[in-house]
């Protein structure tokens, strides 16, 4: 689906065809869930945020401007919902990696990698939400600076600045944890 396909699906929904939104959900469910999961590090919270983001998007379809990328608008909703969830919950989180089987080597082969990844995820989790959002969008959702600016509703230069600062903070956190 392209930008035009998304806009056409939105128009179909606005004309009363809710099945058109189902195709949008199918396309963006996994990417939105992954962004929420990386932001929240809790599968159930990520599922809730993803579901809420789609519900809010569906309810607010008339606010979508088709001259912009639909996924940027949708990602912004998901990021905002993730930030709201972070504000509301305590700092305690469950490790993500224990919930899903690994596609990689067996446990004895990947212990060091798991420890390093957990350290990185803990360091990311310790960042302020604005910095965590740019790290997640850049490295886990593989979004460009322009996409990130659109999703977060900030200037591209601000995205670059936040990303630079977030990288420095991660470097310092990882050094403090002995992971560098």
N, C-alpha and C. Protein backbone atom coordinates (compact mmCIF):
# COMPACT_ATOMS: atom_id res chain seq x y z
N UNK A 1 0.84 -1.18 0.00
CA UNK A 1 0.00 0.00 0.00
C UNK A 1 0.89 1.24 0.00
N UNK A 2 0.56 2.19 -0.81
CA UNK A 2 1.32 3.43 -0.87
C UNK A 2 0.56 4.53 -0.15
N UNK A 3 1.16 5.73 -0.18
CA UNK A 3 0.51 6.90 0.40
C UNK A 3 -0.88 7.09 -0.21
N UNK A 4 -0.96 6.93 -1.53
CA UNK A 4 -2.24 7.08 -2.22
C UNK A 4 -3.23 5.99 -1.81
N UNK A 5 -2.73 4.74 -1.64
CA UNK A 5 -3.58 3.64 -1.20
C UNK A 5 -4.15 3.93 0.19
N UNK A 6 -3.28 4.42 1.09
CA UNK A 6 -3.74 4.75 2.43
C UNK A 6 -4.82 5.83 2.38
N UNK A 7 -4.58 6.86 1.61
CA UNK A 7 -5.55 7.95 1.49
C UNK A 7 -6.87 7.44 0.91
N UNK A 8 -6.78 6.53 -0.06
CA UNK A 8 -7.99 5.96 -0.66
C UNK A 8 -8.75 5.13 0.37
N UNK A 9 -8.02 4.37 1.20
CA UNK A 9 -8.67 3.57 2.24
C UNK A 9 -9.36 4.47 3.26
N UNK A 10 -8.71 5.58 3.60
CA UNK A 10 -9.31 6.53 4.53
C UNK A 10 -10.60 7.08 3.95
N UNK A 11 -10.57 7.44 2.67
CA UNK A 11 -11.77 7.96 2.02
C UNK A 11 -12.89 6.92 2.01
N UNK A 12 -12.53 5.66 1.77
CA UNK A 12 -13.53 4.58 1.80
C UNK A 12 -14.16 4.47 3.19
N UNK A 13 -13.32 4.57 4.21
CA UNK A 13 -13.84 4.51 5.59
C UNK A 13 -14.79 5.67 5.86
N UNK A 14 -14.41 6.84 5.43
CA UNK A 14 -15.23 8.03 5.65
C UNK A 14 -16.56 7.93 4.90
N UNK A 15 -16.58 7.14 3.84
CA UNK A 15 -17.84 6.91 3.09
C UNK A 15 -18.66 5.78 3.69
N UNK A 16 -18.17 5.21 4.80
CA UNK A 16 -18.96 4.19 5.48
C UNK A 16 -18.52 2.76 5.29
N UNK A 17 -17.33 2.52 4.76
CA UNK A 17 -16.84 1.17 4.56
C UNK A 17 -15.77 0.84 5.62
N UNK A 18 -16.17 0.28 6.76
CA UNK A 18 -15.20 -0.01 7.81
C UNK A 18 -14.21 -1.11 7.42
N UNK A 19 -14.53 -1.93 6.43
CA UNK A 19 -13.61 -2.97 5.98
C UNK A 19 -12.32 -2.35 5.42
N UNK A 20 -12.42 -1.16 4.87
CA UNK A 20 -11.23 -0.48 4.35
C UNK A 20 -10.24 -0.21 5.48
N UNK A 21 -10.75 0.09 6.66
CA UNK A 21 -9.85 0.32 7.79
C UNK A 21 -9.17 -0.97 8.22
N UNK A 22 -9.84 -2.10 8.04
CA UNK A 22 -9.24 -3.39 8.38
C UNK A 22 -7.96 -3.62 7.58
N UNK A 23 -7.92 -3.18 6.33
CA UNK A 23 -6.70 -3.34 5.53
C UNK A 23 -5.59 -2.44 6.06
N UNK A 24 -5.96 -1.29 6.57
CA UNK A 24 -4.96 -0.40 7.19
C UNK A 24 -4.42 -1.04 8.46
N UNK A 25 -5.30 -1.62 9.26
CA UNK A 25 -4.87 -2.28 10.49
C UNK A 25 -3.92 -3.43 10.15
N UNK A 26 -4.27 -4.23 9.16
CA UNK A 26 -3.41 -5.34 8.75
C UNK A 26 -2.02 -4.85 8.36
N UNK A 27 -1.96 -3.73 7.69
CA UNK A 27 -0.67 -3.21 7.22
C UNK A 27 0.18 -2.66 8.35
N UNK A 28 -0.44 -1.96 9.30
CA UNK A 28 0.33 -1.22 10.29
C UNK A 28 0.31 -1.82 11.69
N UNK A 29 -0.40 -2.90 11.90
CA UNK A 29 -0.50 -3.46 13.24
C UNK A 29 0.86 -3.87 13.81
N UNK A 30 1.62 -4.63 13.06
CA UNK A 30 2.93 -5.08 13.55
C UNK A 30 3.91 -3.92 13.74
N UNK A 31 4.05 -3.01 12.78
CA UNK A 31 4.99 -1.90 13.02
C UNK A 31 4.60 -1.03 14.22
N UNK A 32 3.32 -0.76 14.38
CA UNK A 32 2.89 0.04 15.54
C UNK A 32 3.13 -0.71 16.83
N UNK A 33 2.81 -1.98 16.84
CA UNK A 33 3.05 -2.80 18.03
C UNK A 33 4.53 -2.80 18.39
N UNK A 34 5.39 -2.98 17.39
CA UNK A 34 6.83 -3.00 17.66
C UNK A 34 7.33 -1.69 18.23
N UNK A 35 6.84 -0.58 17.71
CA UNK A 35 7.24 0.73 18.25
C UNK A 35 6.76 0.86 19.69
N UNK A 36 5.52 0.50 19.94
CA UNK A 36 4.98 0.58 21.31
C UNK A 36 5.74 -0.36 22.25
N UNK A 37 6.07 -1.55 21.77
CA UNK A 37 6.80 -2.50 22.59
C UNK A 37 8.19 -1.97 22.95
N UNK A 38 8.85 -1.36 21.99
CA UNK A 38 10.18 -0.80 22.26
C UNK A 38 10.09 0.41 23.20
N UNK A 39 9.02 1.15 23.11
CA UNK A 39 8.83 2.29 23.99
C UNK A 39 8.49 1.83 25.41
N UNK A 40 7.64 0.82 25.53
CA UNK A 40 7.08 0.44 26.83
C UNK A 40 7.75 -0.78 27.46
N UNK A 41 8.32 -1.65 26.62
CA UNK A 41 8.98 -2.88 27.07
C UNK A 41 8.05 -3.79 27.83
N UNK A 42 6.80 -3.75 27.50
CA UNK A 42 5.83 -4.63 28.15
C UNK A 42 4.79 -5.03 27.10
N UNK A 43 4.75 -6.31 26.73
CA UNK A 43 3.88 -6.74 25.62
C UNK A 43 2.40 -6.37 25.79
N UNK A 44 1.87 -6.55 26.98
CA UNK A 44 0.44 -6.25 27.18
C UNK A 44 0.17 -4.76 27.04
N UNK A 45 1.05 -3.93 27.60
CA UNK A 45 0.90 -2.48 27.44
C UNK A 45 1.02 -2.08 25.98
N UNK A 46 1.94 -2.72 25.26
CA UNK A 46 2.12 -2.41 23.83
C UNK A 46 0.88 -2.80 23.03
N UNK A 47 0.27 -3.93 23.37
CA UNK A 47 -0.97 -4.32 22.69
C UNK A 47 -2.09 -3.31 22.97
N UNK A 48 -2.18 -2.88 24.23
CA UNK A 48 -3.20 -1.89 24.59
C UNK A 48 -2.98 -0.58 23.84
N UNK A 49 -1.74 -0.12 23.80
CA UNK A 49 -1.43 1.14 23.11
C UNK A 49 -1.73 1.01 21.62
N UNK A 50 -1.37 -0.11 21.02
CA UNK A 50 -1.64 -0.32 19.60
C UNK A 50 -3.14 -0.29 19.32
N UNK A 51 -3.88 -0.98 20.14
CA UNK A 51 -5.34 -1.01 19.96
C UNK A 51 -5.93 0.39 20.15
N UNK A 52 -5.48 1.11 21.17
CA UNK A 52 -5.98 2.46 21.42
C UNK A 52 -5.62 3.39 20.27
N UNK A 53 -4.42 3.24 19.73
CA UNK A 53 -3.98 4.09 18.61
C UNK A 53 -4.88 3.87 17.39
N UNK A 54 -5.19 2.61 17.10
CA UNK A 54 -6.08 2.34 15.97
C UNK A 54 -7.49 2.86 16.23
N UNK A 55 -7.96 2.72 17.44
CA UNK A 55 -9.29 3.22 17.77
C UNK A 55 -9.35 4.74 17.61
N UNK A 56 -8.33 5.43 18.14
CA UNK A 56 -8.30 6.89 18.02
C UNK A 56 -8.16 7.32 16.56
N UNK A 57 -7.36 6.57 15.81
CA UNK A 57 -7.21 6.89 14.38
C UNK A 57 -8.54 6.74 13.67
N UNK A 58 -9.24 5.65 13.94
CA UNK A 58 -10.53 5.41 13.29
C UNK A 58 -11.52 6.52 13.65
N UNK A 59 -11.55 6.87 14.93
CA UNK A 59 -12.48 7.91 15.38
C UNK A 59 -12.11 9.29 14.84
N UNK A 60 -10.83 9.49 14.53
CA UNK A 60 -10.39 10.79 14.07
C UNK A 60 -10.02 10.85 12.60
N UNK A 61 -10.51 9.91 11.80
CA UNK A 61 -10.14 9.86 10.38
C UNK A 61 -10.44 11.16 9.64
N UNK A 62 -11.49 11.87 10.03
CA UNK A 62 -11.82 13.11 9.34
C UNK A 62 -10.76 14.19 9.57
N UNK A 63 -9.90 14.01 10.56
CA UNK A 63 -8.82 14.98 10.84
C UNK A 63 -7.57 14.70 10.00
N UNK A 64 -7.49 13.53 9.41
CA UNK A 64 -6.31 13.18 8.61
C UNK A 64 -6.28 14.02 7.34
N UNK A 65 -5.11 14.60 7.06
CA UNK A 65 -4.90 15.40 5.85
C UNK A 65 -4.15 14.54 4.84
N UNK A 66 -4.79 14.15 3.73
CA UNK A 66 -4.17 13.23 2.77
C UNK A 66 -2.93 13.76 2.06
N UNK A 67 -2.62 15.03 2.22
CA UNK A 67 -1.38 15.53 1.60
C UNK A 67 -0.15 15.06 2.38
N UNK A 68 -0.36 14.52 3.58
CA UNK A 68 0.73 13.98 4.40
C UNK A 68 0.66 12.47 4.42
N UNK A 69 1.74 11.84 4.82
CA UNK A 69 1.79 10.38 4.90
C UNK A 69 0.89 9.90 6.03
N UNK A 70 0.04 8.95 5.72
CA UNK A 70 -0.88 8.41 6.71
C UNK A 70 -0.13 7.74 7.85
N UNK A 71 0.93 6.97 7.50
CA UNK A 71 1.63 6.26 8.57
C UNK A 71 2.28 7.21 9.54
N UNK A 72 2.72 8.40 9.09
CA UNK A 72 3.28 9.38 10.03
C UNK A 72 2.22 9.84 11.02
N UNK A 73 1.02 10.08 10.52
CA UNK A 73 -0.08 10.48 11.37
C UNK A 73 -0.42 9.37 12.36
N UNK A 74 -0.46 8.14 11.88
CA UNK A 74 -0.78 6.99 12.71
C UNK A 74 0.33 6.73 13.75
N UNK A 75 1.59 6.82 13.32
CA UNK A 75 2.70 6.63 14.25
C UNK A 75 2.68 7.70 15.34
N UNK A 76 2.33 8.92 14.98
CA UNK A 76 2.28 9.99 15.98
C UNK A 76 1.25 9.64 17.05
N UNK A 77 0.12 9.11 16.64
CA UNK A 77 -0.89 8.70 17.61
C UNK A 77 -0.31 7.61 18.53
N UNK A 78 0.36 6.63 17.94
CA UNK A 78 0.93 5.52 18.73
C UNK A 78 2.03 6.01 19.67
N UNK A 79 2.88 6.90 19.20
CA UNK A 79 3.95 7.44 20.05
C UNK A 79 3.33 8.23 21.20
N UNK A 80 2.34 9.06 20.90
CA UNK A 80 1.69 9.84 21.96
C UNK A 80 1.02 8.92 22.99
N UNK A 81 0.37 7.87 22.52
CA UNK A 81 -0.24 6.91 23.43
C UNK A 81 0.83 6.22 24.28
N UNK A 82 1.96 5.89 23.68
CA UNK A 82 3.06 5.27 24.42
C UNK A 82 3.60 6.22 25.48
N UNK A 83 3.77 7.48 25.11
CA UNK A 83 4.25 8.47 26.07
C UNK A 83 3.26 8.64 27.21
N UNK A 84 1.98 8.65 26.90
CA UNK A 84 0.96 8.74 27.95
C UNK A 84 1.03 7.53 28.88
N UNK A 85 1.20 6.35 28.31
CA UNK A 85 1.29 5.13 29.12
C UNK A 85 2.53 5.17 30.01
N UNK A 86 3.63 5.70 29.49
CA UNK A 86 4.85 5.81 30.30
C UNK A 86 4.64 6.76 31.47
N UNK A 87 3.93 7.84 31.23
CA UNK A 87 3.67 8.80 32.30
C UNK A 87 2.80 8.20 33.39
N UNK A 88 1.91 7.30 33.02
CA UNK A 88 0.95 6.76 33.98
C UNK A 88 1.45 5.57 34.79
N UNK A 89 2.43 4.88 34.29
CA UNK A 89 2.83 3.67 35.01
C UNK A 89 4.13 3.86 35.78
N UNK A 90 4.38 2.93 36.63
CA UNK A 90 5.60 2.96 37.42
C UNK A 90 6.79 2.56 36.56
N UNK A 91 7.96 2.72 37.10
CA UNK A 91 9.19 2.40 36.38
C UNK A 91 9.42 0.90 36.25
N UNK A 92 8.69 0.10 36.97
CA UNK A 92 8.89 -1.35 36.89
C UNK A 92 8.40 -1.87 35.55
N UNK A 93 9.26 -2.63 34.85
CA UNK A 93 8.88 -3.24 33.57
C UNK A 93 9.35 -4.67 33.55
N UNK A 94 8.65 -5.47 32.78
CA UNK A 94 9.06 -6.86 32.57
C UNK A 94 9.98 -6.91 31.36
N UNK A 95 11.01 -7.74 31.42
CA UNK A 95 11.88 -7.87 30.25
C UNK A 95 11.09 -8.39 29.04
N UNK A 96 11.33 -7.79 27.91
CA UNK A 96 10.65 -8.18 26.69
C UNK A 96 11.13 -9.55 26.21
N UNK A 97 12.42 -9.80 26.33
CA UNK A 97 13.00 -10.99 25.72
C UNK A 97 12.49 -12.29 26.31
N UNK A 98 12.03 -12.29 27.55
CA UNK A 98 11.55 -13.51 28.17
C UNK A 98 10.20 -13.94 27.61
N UNK A 99 9.51 -13.05 26.92
CA UNK A 99 8.17 -13.32 26.46
C UNK A 99 8.13 -14.00 25.08
N UNK A 100 9.19 -13.89 24.32
CA UNK A 100 9.18 -14.36 22.94
C UNK A 100 10.36 -15.28 22.67
N UNK A 101 10.15 -16.36 21.94
CA UNK A 101 11.26 -17.24 21.60
C UNK A 101 12.22 -16.56 20.62
N UNK A 102 13.47 -16.90 20.73
CA UNK A 102 14.49 -16.32 19.88
C UNK A 102 14.59 -17.09 18.57
N UNK A 103 14.85 -16.36 17.48
CA UNK A 103 15.09 -17.01 16.19
C UNK A 103 16.57 -17.35 16.02
N UNK A 104 17.40 -16.88 16.94
CA UNK A 104 18.84 -17.03 16.83
C UNK A 104 19.34 -18.35 17.40
N UNK A 105 20.62 -18.37 17.74
CA UNK A 105 21.25 -19.58 18.28
C UNK A 105 20.61 -20.00 19.60
N UNK A 106 20.98 -21.19 20.06
CA UNK A 106 20.46 -21.71 21.33
C UNK A 106 20.92 -20.88 22.50
N UNK A 107 20.36 -21.14 23.68
CA UNK A 107 20.65 -20.33 24.86
C UNK A 107 22.14 -20.29 25.22
N UNK A 108 22.82 -21.42 25.11
CA UNK A 108 24.23 -21.43 25.48
C UNK A 108 25.08 -20.60 24.53
N UNK A 109 24.65 -20.47 23.28
CA UNK A 109 25.40 -19.70 22.29
C UNK A 109 25.10 -18.21 22.36
N UNK A 110 23.96 -17.86 22.87
CA UNK A 110 23.55 -16.46 22.79
C UNK A 110 23.50 -15.75 24.14
N UNK A 111 24.04 -16.35 25.19
CA UNK A 111 23.97 -15.74 26.51
C UNK A 111 24.60 -14.35 26.52
N UNK A 112 25.80 -14.22 25.98
CA UNK A 112 26.49 -12.92 25.98
C UNK A 112 25.70 -11.89 25.19
N UNK A 113 25.15 -12.31 24.07
CA UNK A 113 24.35 -11.39 23.24
C UNK A 113 23.11 -10.95 24.00
N UNK A 114 22.44 -11.89 24.69
CA UNK A 114 21.24 -11.56 25.47
C UNK A 114 21.56 -10.58 26.58
N UNK A 115 22.67 -10.79 27.26
CA UNK A 115 23.07 -9.88 28.35
C UNK A 115 23.34 -8.49 27.78
N UNK A 116 24.05 -8.42 26.67
CA UNK A 116 24.33 -7.12 26.05
C UNK A 116 23.05 -6.44 25.58
N UNK A 117 22.16 -7.21 24.95
CA UNK A 117 20.91 -6.63 24.46
C UNK A 117 20.04 -6.15 25.62
N UNK A 118 20.00 -6.93 26.68
CA UNK A 118 19.22 -6.53 27.85
C UNK A 118 19.80 -5.25 28.45
N UNK A 119 21.13 -5.15 28.47
CA UNK A 119 21.77 -3.92 28.97
C UNK A 119 21.40 -2.73 28.11
N UNK A 120 21.39 -2.93 26.79
CA UNK A 120 21.02 -1.85 25.88
C UNK A 120 19.56 -1.46 26.09
N UNK A 121 18.66 -2.45 26.18
CA UNK A 121 17.24 -2.16 26.40
C UNK A 121 17.02 -1.46 27.74
N UNK A 122 17.77 -1.87 28.77
CA UNK A 122 17.66 -1.19 30.07
C UNK A 122 18.15 0.25 29.96
N UNK A 123 19.22 0.46 29.21
CA UNK A 123 19.74 1.82 29.03
C UNK A 123 18.73 2.67 28.27
N UNK A 124 18.13 2.12 27.23
CA UNK A 124 17.10 2.84 26.47
C UNK A 124 15.90 3.13 27.37
N UNK A 125 15.52 2.16 28.18
CA UNK A 125 14.39 2.32 29.09
C UNK A 125 14.64 3.46 30.08
N UNK A 126 15.89 3.70 30.41
CA UNK A 126 16.24 4.76 31.36
C UNK A 126 16.22 6.16 30.78
N UNK A 127 16.09 6.27 29.46
CA UNK A 127 16.06 7.59 28.83
C UNK A 127 14.72 8.27 29.06
N UNK A 128 14.72 9.58 29.03
CA UNK A 128 13.46 10.33 29.08
C UNK A 128 12.66 9.95 27.84
N UNK A 129 11.33 9.99 27.93
CA UNK A 129 10.49 9.54 26.81
C UNK A 129 10.78 10.21 25.47
N UNK A 130 11.10 11.50 25.44
CA UNK A 130 11.39 12.17 24.17
C UNK A 130 12.63 11.59 23.50
N UNK A 131 13.63 11.25 24.30
CA UNK A 131 14.85 10.67 23.75
C UNK A 131 14.63 9.21 23.38
N UNK A 132 13.85 8.50 24.18
CA UNK A 132 13.55 7.11 23.88
C UNK A 132 12.79 7.02 22.56
N UNK A 133 11.88 7.95 22.33
CA UNK A 133 11.07 7.92 21.10
C UNK A 133 11.95 8.04 19.86
N UNK A 134 12.94 8.94 19.86
CA UNK A 134 13.78 9.08 18.67
C UNK A 134 14.65 7.85 18.45
N UNK A 135 15.15 7.25 19.53
CA UNK A 135 15.95 6.02 19.41
C UNK A 135 15.09 4.89 18.83
N UNK A 136 13.90 4.72 19.36
CA UNK A 136 13.01 3.65 18.90
C UNK A 136 12.64 3.86 17.43
N UNK A 137 12.26 5.07 17.08
CA UNK A 137 11.87 5.32 15.69
C UNK A 137 13.03 5.14 14.73
N UNK A 138 14.22 5.57 15.12
CA UNK A 138 15.37 5.48 14.22
C UNK A 138 15.89 4.04 14.09
N UNK A 139 16.09 3.37 15.22
CA UNK A 139 16.79 2.09 15.19
C UNK A 139 15.90 0.86 15.24
N UNK A 140 14.68 1.00 15.72
CA UNK A 140 13.79 -0.16 15.77
C UNK A 140 12.70 -0.08 14.71
N UNK A 141 12.27 1.14 14.37
CA UNK A 141 11.25 1.30 13.32
C UNK A 141 11.88 1.72 12.00
N UNK A 142 13.18 2.01 12.00
CA UNK A 142 13.94 2.34 10.79
C UNK A 142 13.32 3.49 10.00
N UNK A 143 12.99 4.56 10.70
CA UNK A 143 12.38 5.74 10.07
C UNK A 143 13.44 6.78 9.76
N UNK A 144 13.22 7.54 8.71
CA UNK A 144 14.13 8.62 8.32
C UNK A 144 13.92 9.81 9.25
N UNK A 145 14.85 10.77 9.19
CA UNK A 145 14.70 11.98 10.01
C UNK A 145 13.42 12.72 9.66
N UNK A 146 13.11 12.80 8.38
CA UNK A 146 11.89 13.47 7.95
C UNK A 146 10.64 12.78 8.48
N UNK A 147 10.63 11.44 8.40
CA UNK A 147 9.50 10.69 8.94
C UNK A 147 9.38 10.90 10.44
N UNK A 148 10.52 10.86 11.12
CA UNK A 148 10.51 11.03 12.57
C UNK A 148 9.98 12.42 12.94
N UNK A 149 10.38 13.43 12.20
CA UNK A 149 9.90 14.79 12.46
C UNK A 149 8.39 14.86 12.30
N UNK A 150 7.88 14.24 11.25
CA UNK A 150 6.44 14.22 11.02
C UNK A 150 5.69 13.45 12.10
N UNK A 151 6.25 12.33 12.50
CA UNK A 151 5.60 11.50 13.52
C UNK A 151 5.57 12.22 14.86
N UNK A 152 6.69 12.85 15.22
CA UNK A 152 6.79 13.49 16.53
C UNK A 152 6.27 14.92 16.54
N UNK A 153 6.04 15.48 15.36
CA UNK A 153 5.52 16.85 15.28
C UNK A 153 6.55 17.89 15.67
N UNK A 154 7.81 17.63 15.32
CA UNK A 154 8.89 18.56 15.61
C UNK A 154 9.72 18.78 14.35
N UNK A 155 10.59 19.76 14.39
CA UNK A 155 11.47 20.05 13.25
C UNK A 155 12.49 18.93 13.08
N UNK A 156 12.94 18.75 11.85
CA UNK A 156 13.94 17.73 11.56
C UNK A 156 15.24 18.00 12.31
N UNK A 157 15.62 19.27 12.44
CA UNK A 157 16.85 19.59 13.17
C UNK A 157 16.71 19.24 14.65
N UNK A 158 15.50 19.33 15.19
CA UNK A 158 15.26 18.94 16.58
C UNK A 158 15.39 17.43 16.72
N UNK A 159 14.92 16.69 15.73
CA UNK A 159 15.08 15.23 15.72
C UNK A 159 16.56 14.88 15.77
N UNK A 160 17.34 15.52 14.92
CA UNK A 160 18.78 15.23 14.87
C UNK A 160 19.45 15.58 16.19
N UNK A 161 19.06 16.69 16.76
CA UNK A 161 19.62 17.10 18.05
C UNK A 161 19.27 16.11 19.15
N UNK A 162 18.00 15.73 19.21
CA UNK A 162 17.57 14.77 20.23
C UNK A 162 18.26 13.42 20.04
N UNK A 163 18.41 13.01 18.79
CA UNK A 163 19.06 11.74 18.51
C UNK A 163 20.53 11.78 18.93
N UNK A 164 21.20 12.88 18.65
CA UNK A 164 22.59 13.04 19.07
C UNK A 164 22.69 12.95 20.59
N UNK A 165 21.83 13.70 21.27
CA UNK A 165 21.84 13.71 22.73
C UNK A 165 21.50 12.32 23.28
N UNK A 166 20.51 11.66 22.69
CA UNK A 166 20.12 10.33 23.14
C UNK A 166 21.26 9.34 22.98
N UNK A 167 21.98 9.42 21.88
CA UNK A 167 23.13 8.53 21.66
C UNK A 167 24.21 8.77 22.72
N UNK A 168 24.45 10.04 23.02
CA UNK A 168 25.45 10.36 24.05
C UNK A 168 25.01 9.82 25.41
N UNK A 169 23.73 9.99 25.71
CA UNK A 169 23.21 9.50 26.99
C UNK A 169 23.31 7.97 27.06
N UNK A 170 22.99 7.31 25.95
CA UNK A 170 23.12 5.85 25.91
C UNK A 170 24.57 5.41 26.09
N UNK A 171 25.47 6.10 25.44
CA UNK A 171 26.89 5.79 25.58
C UNK A 171 27.32 5.91 27.03
N UNK A 172 26.92 7.01 27.68
CA UNK A 172 27.27 7.21 29.07
C UNK A 172 26.64 6.16 29.97
N UNK A 173 25.39 5.85 29.74
CA UNK A 173 24.69 4.83 30.56
C UNK A 173 25.34 3.46 30.39
N UNK A 174 25.66 3.11 29.15
CA UNK A 174 26.29 1.81 28.90
C UNK A 174 27.67 1.75 29.52
N UNK A 175 28.40 2.86 29.49
CA UNK A 175 29.72 2.89 30.12
C UNK A 175 29.58 2.72 31.63
N UNK A 176 28.60 3.39 32.22
CA UNK A 176 28.37 3.27 33.66
C UNK A 176 27.99 1.85 34.04
N UNK A 177 27.29 1.17 33.14
CA UNK A 177 26.85 -0.21 33.40
C UNK A 177 27.97 -1.21 33.09
N UNK A 178 29.08 -0.74 32.53
CA UNK A 178 30.17 -1.63 32.19
C UNK A 178 29.94 -2.41 30.91
N UNK A 179 29.02 -1.92 30.08
CA UNK A 179 28.68 -2.63 28.84
C UNK A 179 29.51 -2.16 27.65
N UNK A 180 30.33 -1.13 27.84
CA UNK A 180 31.18 -0.65 26.73
C UNK A 180 32.59 -1.12 26.90
